[in-house]
């Protein structure tokens, strides 16, 4: 008589996951360093822009040592340059806010998780844009107007 074998099922053991999903602690630390480096770079850029453009008088900016009347075209050029720099600084400050939010998500343990879907953001996306809040798919849906940005 043949022996009856009891079927046993082996449970697949998944690798240990951190709070952040599929990202290992070393990956998170590397992304944190990338964010901190980018943050420092932006702060330096913004400070240099402020020093160069906004704190100079027209005479300092143009290198004009004479006391001759100012030509209207020069004033227009100076104003355009200041407006352009203000626009750049605004963009840099928005990026700084995104980076600060990403650093906060690291501290909260939610870094690398799409705020729209709750799924893991691909590592390649985080490599390219470590402050990303959304997966590529969700970001595309946002751009196309298929979904609205979740409340923060």
N, C-alpha and C. Protein backbone atom coordinates (compact mmCIF):
# COMPACT_ATOMS: atom_id res chain seq x y z
N UNK A 1 0.83 -1.16 0.00
CA UNK A 1 0.00 0.00 0.00
C UNK A 1 0.88 1.23 0.00
N UNK A 2 0.55 2.14 -0.85
CA UNK A 2 1.35 3.36 -0.98
C UNK A 2 1.06 4.29 0.17
N UNK A 3 2.11 4.92 0.60
CA UNK A 3 1.92 5.88 1.70
C UNK A 3 1.34 7.17 1.15
N UNK A 4 0.42 7.66 1.89
CA UNK A 4 -0.15 8.94 1.50
C UNK A 4 0.70 10.04 2.11
N UNK A 5 1.09 10.92 1.23
CA UNK A 5 1.88 12.06 1.71
C UNK A 5 0.98 13.25 1.92
N UNK A 6 1.27 13.89 2.96
CA UNK A 6 0.51 15.10 3.25
C UNK A 6 1.15 16.24 2.47
N UNK A 7 0.32 16.94 1.72
CA UNK A 7 0.85 18.07 0.95
C UNK A 7 1.11 19.23 1.89
N UNK A 8 2.27 19.78 1.75
CA UNK A 8 2.58 20.97 2.53
C UNK A 8 2.87 22.11 1.57
N UNK A 9 2.38 23.22 1.92
CA UNK A 9 2.61 24.41 1.11
C UNK A 9 3.63 25.28 1.80
N UNK A 10 4.57 25.69 1.01
CA UNK A 10 5.57 26.59 1.57
C UNK A 10 5.15 28.01 1.30
N UNK A 11 5.16 28.75 2.33
CA UNK A 11 4.80 30.15 2.21
C UNK A 11 6.02 30.91 1.67
N UNK A 12 5.77 31.71 0.65
CA UNK A 12 6.86 32.53 0.13
C UNK A 12 7.18 33.61 1.14
N UNK A 13 8.43 33.69 1.45
CA UNK A 13 8.86 34.72 2.39
C UNK A 13 9.40 35.88 1.59
N UNK A 14 8.76 37.01 1.78
CA UNK A 14 9.23 38.19 1.06
C UNK A 14 10.35 38.84 1.85
N UNK A 15 11.22 39.55 1.14
CA UNK A 15 12.31 40.21 1.85
C UNK A 15 11.76 41.23 2.83
N UNK A 16 12.48 41.45 3.91
CA UNK A 16 11.99 42.42 4.89
C UNK A 16 11.87 43.80 4.26
N UNK A 17 10.74 44.42 4.53
CA UNK A 17 10.50 45.75 3.98
C UNK A 17 10.63 46.79 5.07
N UNK A 18 11.12 47.94 4.65
CA UNK A 18 11.19 49.05 5.59
C UNK A 18 9.83 49.74 5.57
N UNK A 19 9.66 50.72 6.39
CA UNK A 19 8.43 51.50 6.40
C UNK A 19 8.17 52.14 5.05
N UNK A 20 9.22 52.41 4.31
CA UNK A 20 9.11 53.12 3.05
C UNK A 20 8.78 52.21 1.88
N UNK A 21 8.43 50.95 2.11
CA UNK A 21 8.07 50.07 1.01
C UNK A 21 9.28 49.28 0.53
N UNK A 22 9.56 49.34 -0.75
CA UNK A 22 10.62 48.54 -1.34
C UNK A 22 12.00 49.18 -1.24
N UNK A 23 12.11 50.36 -0.72
CA UNK A 23 13.40 51.03 -0.63
C UNK A 23 14.15 50.55 0.62
N UNK A 24 15.38 50.19 0.41
CA UNK A 24 16.22 49.78 1.53
C UNK A 24 16.69 51.02 2.30
N UNK A 25 17.09 50.82 3.52
CA UNK A 25 17.55 51.94 4.35
C UNK A 25 18.74 52.66 3.71
N UNK A 26 19.61 51.90 3.03
CA UNK A 26 20.76 52.52 2.37
C UNK A 26 20.31 53.42 1.22
N UNK A 27 19.27 52.98 0.49
CA UNK A 27 18.73 53.80 -0.60
C UNK A 27 18.15 55.10 -0.06
N UNK A 28 17.41 54.98 1.01
CA UNK A 28 16.79 56.16 1.60
C UNK A 28 17.84 57.14 2.08
N UNK A 29 18.89 56.63 2.68
CA UNK A 29 19.97 57.50 3.15
C UNK A 29 20.65 58.19 1.97
N UNK A 30 20.83 57.46 0.86
CA UNK A 30 21.44 58.04 -0.33
C UNK A 30 20.54 59.14 -0.91
N UNK A 31 19.24 58.88 -0.96
CA UNK A 31 18.31 59.90 -1.47
C UNK A 31 18.29 61.11 -0.54
N UNK A 32 18.39 60.87 0.75
CA UNK A 32 18.42 61.98 1.71
C UNK A 32 19.65 62.86 1.46
N UNK A 33 20.80 62.22 1.23
CA UNK A 33 22.02 62.97 0.93
C UNK A 33 21.86 63.77 -0.37
N UNK A 34 21.25 63.15 -1.38
CA UNK A 34 21.02 63.85 -2.65
C UNK A 34 20.14 65.08 -2.44
N UNK A 35 19.10 64.92 -1.63
CA UNK A 35 18.19 66.03 -1.35
C UNK A 35 18.91 67.15 -0.59
N UNK A 36 19.71 66.78 0.39
CA UNK A 36 20.42 67.79 1.18
C UNK A 36 21.45 68.54 0.32
N UNK A 37 22.12 67.81 -0.59
CA UNK A 37 23.08 68.47 -1.48
C UNK A 37 22.37 69.44 -2.42
N UNK A 38 21.26 69.01 -2.99
CA UNK A 38 20.50 69.87 -3.90
C UNK A 38 19.96 71.09 -3.15
N UNK A 39 19.53 70.87 -1.92
CA UNK A 39 19.01 71.97 -1.09
C UNK A 39 20.10 73.02 -0.86
N UNK A 40 21.29 72.57 -0.52
CA UNK A 40 22.41 73.49 -0.31
C UNK A 40 22.77 74.24 -1.58
N UNK A 41 22.75 73.55 -2.71
CA UNK A 41 23.03 74.18 -4.00
C UNK A 41 22.01 75.27 -4.32
N UNK A 42 20.75 74.98 -4.08
CA UNK A 42 19.70 75.96 -4.37
C UNK A 42 19.83 77.18 -3.46
N UNK A 43 20.08 76.94 -2.19
CA UNK A 43 20.23 78.07 -1.26
C UNK A 43 21.40 78.97 -1.68
N UNK A 44 22.49 78.36 -2.11
CA UNK A 44 23.64 79.12 -2.59
C UNK A 44 23.25 79.95 -3.82
N UNK A 45 22.55 79.30 -4.77
CA UNK A 45 22.13 80.00 -5.99
C UNK A 45 21.22 81.18 -5.68
N UNK A 46 20.25 80.98 -4.81
CA UNK A 46 19.31 82.05 -4.47
C UNK A 46 20.03 83.20 -3.80
N UNK A 47 20.93 82.88 -2.88
CA UNK A 47 21.69 83.94 -2.20
C UNK A 47 22.56 84.72 -3.18
N UNK A 48 23.20 84.02 -4.11
CA UNK A 48 24.03 84.70 -5.11
C UNK A 48 23.18 85.60 -6.01
N UNK A 49 22.01 85.10 -6.41
CA UNK A 49 21.12 85.91 -7.25
C UNK A 49 20.69 87.17 -6.52
N UNK A 50 20.35 87.02 -5.26
CA UNK A 50 19.94 88.19 -4.47
C UNK A 50 21.08 89.20 -4.39
N UNK A 51 22.27 88.70 -4.10
CA UNK A 51 23.42 89.59 -3.97
C UNK A 51 23.75 90.29 -5.28
N UNK A 52 23.74 89.54 -6.38
CA UNK A 52 24.13 90.09 -7.67
C UNK A 52 23.13 91.07 -8.25
N UNK A 53 21.88 90.73 -8.18
CA UNK A 53 20.88 91.50 -8.92
C UNK A 53 20.09 92.46 -8.06
N UNK A 54 19.64 92.00 -6.94
CA UNK A 54 18.67 92.80 -6.20
C UNK A 54 19.28 93.82 -5.25
N UNK A 55 20.51 93.62 -4.83
CA UNK A 55 21.10 94.54 -3.87
C UNK A 55 22.00 95.59 -4.51
N UNK A 56 22.12 95.54 -5.83
CA UNK A 56 22.97 96.51 -6.52
C UNK A 56 22.15 97.70 -6.97
N UNK A 57 22.78 98.84 -6.96
CA UNK A 57 22.15 99.99 -7.57
C UNK A 57 22.38 99.92 -9.07
N UNK A 58 21.70 100.73 -9.84
CA UNK A 58 21.86 100.72 -11.29
C UNK A 58 23.28 101.08 -11.68
N UNK A 59 23.87 101.99 -10.96
CA UNK A 59 25.25 102.39 -11.28
C UNK A 59 26.22 101.24 -11.05
N UNK A 60 26.02 100.50 -9.96
CA UNK A 60 26.89 99.35 -9.68
C UNK A 60 26.70 98.26 -10.73
N UNK A 61 25.46 98.01 -11.10
CA UNK A 61 25.16 96.93 -12.04
C UNK A 61 25.74 97.21 -13.42
N UNK A 62 25.65 98.44 -13.87
CA UNK A 62 26.11 98.78 -15.20
C UNK A 62 27.59 99.16 -15.23
N UNK A 63 28.15 99.39 -14.07
CA UNK A 63 29.54 99.82 -14.02
C UNK A 63 29.68 101.27 -14.47
N UNK A 64 28.58 102.00 -14.42
CA UNK A 64 28.54 103.39 -14.88
C UNK A 64 29.05 104.30 -13.76
N UNK A 65 30.12 105.01 -14.04
CA UNK A 65 30.69 105.90 -13.03
C UNK A 65 30.30 107.36 -13.24
N UNK A 66 29.68 107.63 -14.36
CA UNK A 66 29.33 109.02 -14.65
C UNK A 66 28.02 109.38 -13.95
N UNK A 67 27.80 110.67 -13.87
CA UNK A 67 26.57 111.14 -13.26
C UNK A 67 25.62 111.67 -14.33
N UNK A 68 25.78 111.17 -15.56
CA UNK A 68 24.93 111.58 -16.67
C UNK A 68 23.54 110.99 -16.45
N UNK A 69 22.53 111.64 -17.02
CA UNK A 69 21.17 111.10 -16.90
C UNK A 69 21.10 109.67 -17.44
N UNK A 70 20.19 108.91 -16.86
CA UNK A 70 20.02 107.50 -17.22
C UNK A 70 19.12 107.41 -18.45
N UNK A 71 19.51 106.60 -19.40
CA UNK A 71 18.71 106.40 -20.60
C UNK A 71 17.57 105.44 -20.28
N UNK A 72 16.41 105.66 -20.88
CA UNK A 72 15.24 104.84 -20.61
C UNK A 72 15.47 103.37 -20.98
N UNK A 73 16.22 103.11 -22.03
CA UNK A 73 16.48 101.73 -22.44
C UNK A 73 17.28 101.00 -21.37
N UNK A 74 18.21 101.71 -20.73
CA UNK A 74 18.99 101.09 -19.66
C UNK A 74 18.10 100.72 -18.47
N UNK A 75 17.18 101.58 -18.17
CA UNK A 75 16.26 101.31 -17.06
C UNK A 75 15.40 100.08 -17.39
N UNK A 76 14.94 100.02 -18.64
CA UNK A 76 14.14 98.87 -19.07
C UNK A 76 14.91 97.57 -19.00
N UNK A 77 16.16 97.61 -19.40
CA UNK A 77 17.00 96.41 -19.35
C UNK A 77 17.23 95.97 -17.91
N UNK A 78 17.49 96.95 -17.05
CA UNK A 78 17.71 96.63 -15.64
C UNK A 78 16.45 96.03 -15.02
N UNK A 79 15.30 96.61 -15.35
CA UNK A 79 14.04 96.10 -14.81
C UNK A 79 13.75 94.68 -15.31
N UNK A 80 14.02 94.45 -16.59
CA UNK A 80 13.82 93.11 -17.15
C UNK A 80 14.71 92.10 -16.44
N UNK A 81 15.96 92.47 -16.23
CA UNK A 81 16.89 91.56 -15.56
C UNK A 81 16.43 91.24 -14.14
N UNK A 82 15.94 92.26 -13.45
CA UNK A 82 15.45 92.03 -12.09
C UNK A 82 14.22 91.13 -12.09
N UNK A 83 13.29 91.37 -13.00
CA UNK A 83 12.09 90.54 -13.09
C UNK A 83 12.44 89.10 -13.43
N UNK A 84 13.37 88.93 -14.34
CA UNK A 84 13.81 87.59 -14.72
C UNK A 84 14.42 86.87 -13.52
N UNK A 85 15.26 87.57 -12.79
CA UNK A 85 15.90 86.98 -11.61
C UNK A 85 14.88 86.64 -10.54
N UNK A 86 13.89 87.52 -10.36
CA UNK A 86 12.83 87.23 -9.38
C UNK A 86 12.06 85.97 -9.77
N UNK A 87 11.82 85.79 -11.07
CA UNK A 87 11.15 84.59 -11.54
C UNK A 87 11.97 83.33 -11.26
N UNK A 88 13.27 83.42 -11.52
CA UNK A 88 14.15 82.29 -11.23
C UNK A 88 14.17 81.98 -9.73
N UNK A 89 14.24 83.01 -8.93
CA UNK A 89 14.27 82.81 -7.48
C UNK A 89 12.97 82.17 -6.99
N UNK A 90 11.85 82.57 -7.59
CA UNK A 90 10.57 81.98 -7.22
C UNK A 90 10.56 80.49 -7.55
N UNK A 91 11.05 80.13 -8.72
CA UNK A 91 11.13 78.72 -9.12
C UNK A 91 12.03 77.94 -8.18
N UNK A 92 13.15 78.53 -7.82
CA UNK A 92 14.09 77.87 -6.92
C UNK A 92 13.46 77.67 -5.53
N UNK A 93 12.71 78.67 -5.09
CA UNK A 93 12.07 78.55 -3.77
C UNK A 93 10.99 77.46 -3.78
N UNK A 94 10.27 77.32 -4.89
CA UNK A 94 9.27 76.26 -4.99
C UNK A 94 9.95 74.89 -4.95
N UNK A 95 11.07 74.76 -5.63
CA UNK A 95 11.82 73.51 -5.61
C UNK A 95 12.36 73.24 -4.21
N UNK A 96 12.78 74.28 -3.53
CA UNK A 96 13.26 74.15 -2.16
C UNK A 96 12.15 73.60 -1.26
N UNK A 97 10.94 74.08 -1.46
CA UNK A 97 9.78 73.59 -0.69
C UNK A 97 9.54 72.11 -0.99
N UNK A 98 9.64 71.71 -2.26
CA UNK A 98 9.47 70.30 -2.63
C UNK A 98 10.53 69.43 -1.94
N UNK A 99 11.76 69.92 -1.91
CA UNK A 99 12.85 69.17 -1.27
C UNK A 99 12.61 69.06 0.24
N UNK A 100 12.18 70.15 0.86
CA UNK A 100 11.89 70.12 2.29
C UNK A 100 10.75 69.14 2.59
N UNK A 101 9.74 69.11 1.72
CA UNK A 101 8.64 68.16 1.89
C UNK A 101 9.14 66.72 1.78
N UNK A 102 10.05 66.47 0.82
CA UNK A 102 10.60 65.13 0.65
C UNK A 102 11.40 64.72 1.88
N UNK A 103 12.19 65.64 2.43
CA UNK A 103 12.95 65.33 3.64
C UNK A 103 12.01 65.03 4.81
N UNK A 104 10.89 65.74 4.85
CA UNK A 104 9.90 65.49 5.89
C UNK A 104 9.27 64.10 5.71
N UNK A 105 9.01 63.70 4.46
CA UNK A 105 8.46 62.37 4.19
C UNK A 105 9.45 61.28 4.62
N UNK A 106 10.74 61.54 4.47
CA UNK A 106 11.75 60.58 4.93
C UNK A 106 11.62 60.41 6.44
N UNK A 107 11.50 61.52 7.15
CA UNK A 107 11.38 61.47 8.61
C UNK A 107 10.10 60.76 9.04
N UNK A 108 9.02 60.94 8.27
CA UNK A 108 7.73 60.34 8.61
C UNK A 108 7.63 58.89 8.16
N UNK A 109 8.58 58.45 7.31
CA UNK A 109 8.54 57.07 6.84
C UNK A 109 7.65 56.86 5.64
N UNK A 110 7.30 57.92 4.94
CA UNK A 110 6.42 57.79 3.77
C UNK A 110 7.14 58.14 2.47
N UNK A 111 8.44 58.29 2.52
CA UNK A 111 9.20 58.65 1.32
C UNK A 111 9.15 57.53 0.30
N UNK A 112 8.98 57.89 -0.97
CA UNK A 112 8.98 56.89 -2.04
C UNK A 112 7.62 56.29 -2.30
N UNK A 113 6.61 56.78 -1.61
CA UNK A 113 5.25 56.29 -1.81
C UNK A 113 4.44 57.39 -2.48
N UNK A 114 3.79 57.05 -3.59
CA UNK A 114 3.00 58.02 -4.36
C UNK A 114 1.87 58.56 -3.50
N UNK A 115 1.75 59.87 -3.43
CA UNK A 115 0.71 60.50 -2.63
C UNK A 115 -0.66 60.39 -3.28
N UNK A 116 -0.69 60.02 -4.55
CA UNK A 116 -1.95 59.87 -5.25
C UNK A 116 -2.50 58.46 -5.21
N UNK A 117 -1.62 57.48 -5.37
CA UNK A 117 -2.07 56.09 -5.46
C UNK A 117 -1.72 55.27 -4.23
N UNK A 118 -0.74 55.71 -3.46
CA UNK A 118 -0.29 54.95 -2.31
C UNK A 118 0.67 53.83 -2.67
N UNK A 119 1.03 53.73 -3.95
CA UNK A 119 1.95 52.69 -4.41
C UNK A 119 3.38 53.22 -4.41
N UNK A 120 4.32 52.29 -4.50
CA UNK A 120 5.74 52.63 -4.51
C UNK A 120 6.10 53.44 -5.77
N UNK A 121 6.86 54.51 -5.60
CA UNK A 121 7.39 55.27 -6.73
C UNK A 121 8.62 54.52 -7.22
N UNK A 122 8.75 54.38 -8.53
CA UNK A 122 9.89 53.64 -9.08
C UNK A 122 11.20 54.30 -8.68
N UNK A 123 12.18 53.46 -8.42
CA UNK A 123 13.50 53.92 -7.99
C UNK A 123 14.14 54.83 -9.06
N UNK A 124 13.94 54.50 -10.33
CA UNK A 124 14.52 55.31 -11.41
C UNK A 124 13.97 56.74 -11.36
N UNK A 125 12.69 56.89 -11.03
CA UNK A 125 12.10 58.23 -10.92
C UNK A 125 12.72 58.99 -9.76
N UNK A 126 12.92 58.30 -8.66
CA UNK A 126 13.54 58.96 -7.49
C UNK A 126 14.99 59.31 -7.76
N UNK A 127 15.66 58.50 -8.58
CA UNK A 127 17.04 58.83 -8.96
C UNK A 127 17.07 60.13 -9.75
N UNK A 128 16.11 60.29 -10.66
CA UNK A 128 16.07 61.48 -11.51
C UNK A 128 15.53 62.68 -10.76
N UNK A 129 14.56 62.45 -9.89
CA UNK A 129 13.91 63.54 -9.18
C UNK A 129 13.61 63.06 -7.75
N UNK A 130 14.60 63.15 -6.86
CA UNK A 130 14.41 62.59 -5.52
C UNK A 130 13.31 63.25 -4.69
N UNK A 131 12.82 64.37 -5.11
CA UNK A 131 11.74 65.04 -4.38
C UNK A 131 10.36 64.67 -4.93
N UNK A 132 10.29 63.72 -5.85
CA UNK A 132 9.02 63.33 -6.49
C UNK A 132 8.00 62.89 -5.45
N UNK A 133 6.77 63.41 -5.60
CA UNK A 133 5.67 63.04 -4.72
C UNK A 133 4.78 61.97 -5.35
N UNK A 134 4.84 61.89 -6.69
CA UNK A 134 3.93 61.02 -7.41
C UNK A 134 4.69 60.06 -8.33
N UNK A 135 4.08 58.93 -8.60
CA UNK A 135 4.63 58.00 -9.59
C UNK A 135 4.50 58.64 -10.96
N UNK A 136 5.22 58.12 -11.94
CA UNK A 136 5.18 58.66 -13.30
C UNK A 136 3.75 58.61 -13.83
N UNK A 137 3.10 57.49 -13.64
CA UNK A 137 1.75 57.31 -14.17
C UNK A 137 0.78 58.34 -13.58
N UNK A 138 0.84 58.54 -12.26
CA UNK A 138 -0.06 59.49 -11.61
C UNK A 138 0.27 60.92 -12.02
N UNK A 139 1.55 61.24 -12.14
CA UNK A 139 1.97 62.58 -12.57
C UNK A 139 1.45 62.86 -13.98
N UNK A 140 1.48 61.86 -14.86
CA UNK A 140 0.95 62.04 -16.21
C UNK A 140 -0.56 62.28 -16.17
N UNK A 141 -1.25 61.57 -15.32
CA UNK A 141 -2.69 61.77 -15.19
C UNK A 141 -2.99 63.18 -14.67
N UNK A 142 -2.17 63.67 -13.75
CA UNK A 142 -2.33 65.04 -13.25
C UNK A 142 -2.15 66.05 -14.37
N UNK A 143 -1.10 65.86 -15.18
CA UNK A 143 -0.81 66.79 -16.28
C UNK A 143 -1.92 66.79 -17.32
N UNK A 144 -2.53 65.64 -17.54
CA UNK A 144 -3.60 65.53 -18.53
C UNK A 144 -4.94 65.97 -17.97
N UNK A 145 -5.00 66.25 -16.67
CA UNK A 145 -6.23 66.70 -16.06
C UNK A 145 -7.21 65.58 -15.76
N UNK A 146 -6.73 64.34 -15.77
CA UNK A 146 -7.61 63.19 -15.51
C UNK A 146 -7.91 63.03 -14.03
N UNK A 147 -7.02 63.54 -13.19
CA UNK A 147 -7.21 63.50 -11.74
C UNK A 147 -6.83 64.87 -11.18
N UNK A 148 -7.29 65.14 -9.99
CA UNK A 148 -6.90 66.39 -9.33
C UNK A 148 -5.89 66.08 -8.24
N UNK A 149 -5.07 67.06 -7.95
CA UNK A 149 -4.03 66.87 -6.95
C UNK A 149 -4.67 66.67 -5.59
N UNK A 150 -4.23 65.62 -4.86
CA UNK A 150 -4.81 65.37 -3.54
C UNK A 150 -4.51 66.49 -2.56
N UNK A 151 -5.40 66.67 -1.62
CA UNK A 151 -5.19 67.70 -0.58
C UNK A 151 -3.99 67.33 0.26
N UNK A 152 -3.29 68.36 0.72
CA UNK A 152 -2.09 68.09 1.52
C UNK A 152 -2.34 68.37 2.96
